């Protein structure tokens, strides 16, 4: 899981205690990939190439550099990225 995705789990203004607890539980089973310099460079490249929002470019770069499938409800935000494996949830 991208560090940006972890942040997104907690950024909803109307996040309820039960939802926060569910997020914490989910994170116990996930490896969170830190946003390092290499990932930031690749995210910048994807942002420039595909005109993505910064968070989306970091999430896509994380999936691509870790050779994993990006799980998302927002398939349309990522569909145009070549070589990115996506699965809708």
Protein backbone atom coordinates (compact mmCIF):
# COMPACT_ATOMS: atom_id res chain seq x y z
CA UNK A 1 0.00 0.00 0.00
CA UNK A 2 1.24 3.46 -0.86
CA UNK A 3 1.92 5.90 1.97
CA UNK A 4 -0.46 8.23 0.12
CA UNK A 5 -3.21 5.61 0.27
CA UNK A 6 -2.66 5.24 4.01
CA UNK A 7 -3.06 8.98 4.38
CA UNK A 8 -6.24 8.91 2.30
CA UNK A 9 -7.81 6.39 4.68
CA UNK A 10 -7.76 9.04 7.39
CA UNK A 11 -8.49 12.26 5.48
CA UNK A 12 -12.28 12.15 5.27
CA UNK A 13 -13.87 14.98 7.29
CA UNK A 14 -16.80 12.77 8.34
CA UNK A 15 -14.71 9.73 9.30
CA UNK A 16 -16.51 7.83 12.06
CA UNK A 17 -14.76 6.00 14.88
CA UNK A 18 -15.85 2.63 13.46
CA UNK A 19 -14.37 3.50 10.06
CA UNK A 20 -11.12 4.63 11.62
CA UNK A 21 -10.93 1.40 13.59
CA UNK A 22 -11.55 -0.60 10.40
CA UNK A 23 -8.75 1.31 8.67
CA UNK A 24 -6.37 0.59 11.53
CA UNK A 25 -7.28 -3.10 11.34
CA UNK A 26 -6.73 -3.17 7.58
CA UNK A 27 -3.31 -1.58 7.99
CA UNK A 28 -2.17 -4.32 10.37
CA UNK A 29 -2.33 -6.70 7.41
CA UNK A 30 -0.65 -4.37 4.89
CA UNK A 31 2.90 -3.40 4.11
CA UNK A 32 3.06 0.37 3.64
CA UNK A 33 5.63 1.41 1.04
CA UNK A 34 7.45 4.59 2.11
CA UNK A 35 7.56 7.47 -0.33
CA UNK A 36 11.29 7.61 -1.04
CA UNK A 37 13.31 9.59 -3.57
CA UNK A 38 13.12 6.95 -6.33
CA UNK A 39 9.36 6.63 -5.97
CA UNK A 40 8.95 10.42 -5.90
CA UNK A 41 10.91 10.79 -9.16
CA UNK A 42 8.82 8.13 -10.88
CA UNK A 43 5.60 9.66 -9.53
CA UNK A 44 6.69 13.02 -10.95
CA UNK A 45 7.35 11.39 -14.31
CA UNK A 46 3.89 9.74 -14.33
CA UNK A 47 2.25 13.00 -13.26
CA UNK A 48 3.89 14.88 -16.10
CA UNK A 49 3.29 12.16 -18.72
CA UNK A 50 -0.36 11.46 -17.85
CA UNK A 51 -1.34 14.76 -16.20
CA UNK A 52 -2.31 13.00 -12.98
CA UNK A 53 -2.98 14.54 -9.62
CA UNK A 54 0.05 14.23 -7.34
CA UNK A 55 -1.55 11.66 -4.99
CA UNK A 56 -2.67 9.50 -7.94
CA UNK A 57 0.79 9.60 -9.48
CA UNK A 58 2.37 8.47 -6.19
CA UNK A 59 -0.16 5.65 -5.82
CA UNK A 60 0.40 4.48 -9.40
CA UNK A 61 4.19 4.72 -9.07
CA UNK A 62 4.06 2.62 -5.90
CA UNK A 63 2.12 -0.14 -7.64
CA UNK A 64 4.36 -0.06 -10.69
CA UNK A 65 7.68 -0.05 -8.85
CA UNK A 66 6.60 -2.83 -6.50
CA UNK A 67 5.16 -4.80 -9.45
CA UNK A 68 1.80 -5.13 -7.73
CA UNK A 69 -1.78 -4.61 -8.83
CA UNK A 70 -3.40 -1.30 -7.92
CA UNK A 71 -6.72 -1.92 -6.17
CA UNK A 72 -9.06 1.04 -6.58
CA UNK A 73 -12.63 2.20 -6.80
CA UNK A 74 -11.45 4.95 -9.17
CA UNK A 75 -10.36 2.92 -12.18
CA UNK A 76 -10.92 5.87 -14.52
CA UNK A 77 -8.23 7.87 -12.70
CA UNK A 78 -5.60 5.29 -13.66
CA UNK A 79 -6.84 3.61 -16.84
CA UNK A 80 -4.64 5.62 -19.21
CA UNK A 81 -1.35 4.56 -17.57
CA UNK A 82 0.51 2.05 -19.71
CA UNK A 83 1.74 -1.10 -17.97
CA UNK A 84 -0.20 -0.44 -14.74
CA UNK A 85 -2.15 -3.45 -13.51
CA UNK A 86 -5.49 -2.32 -12.07
CA UNK A 87 -8.27 -4.18 -10.30
CA UNK A 88 -11.52 -2.49 -9.37
CA UNK A 89 -12.76 -3.04 -5.83
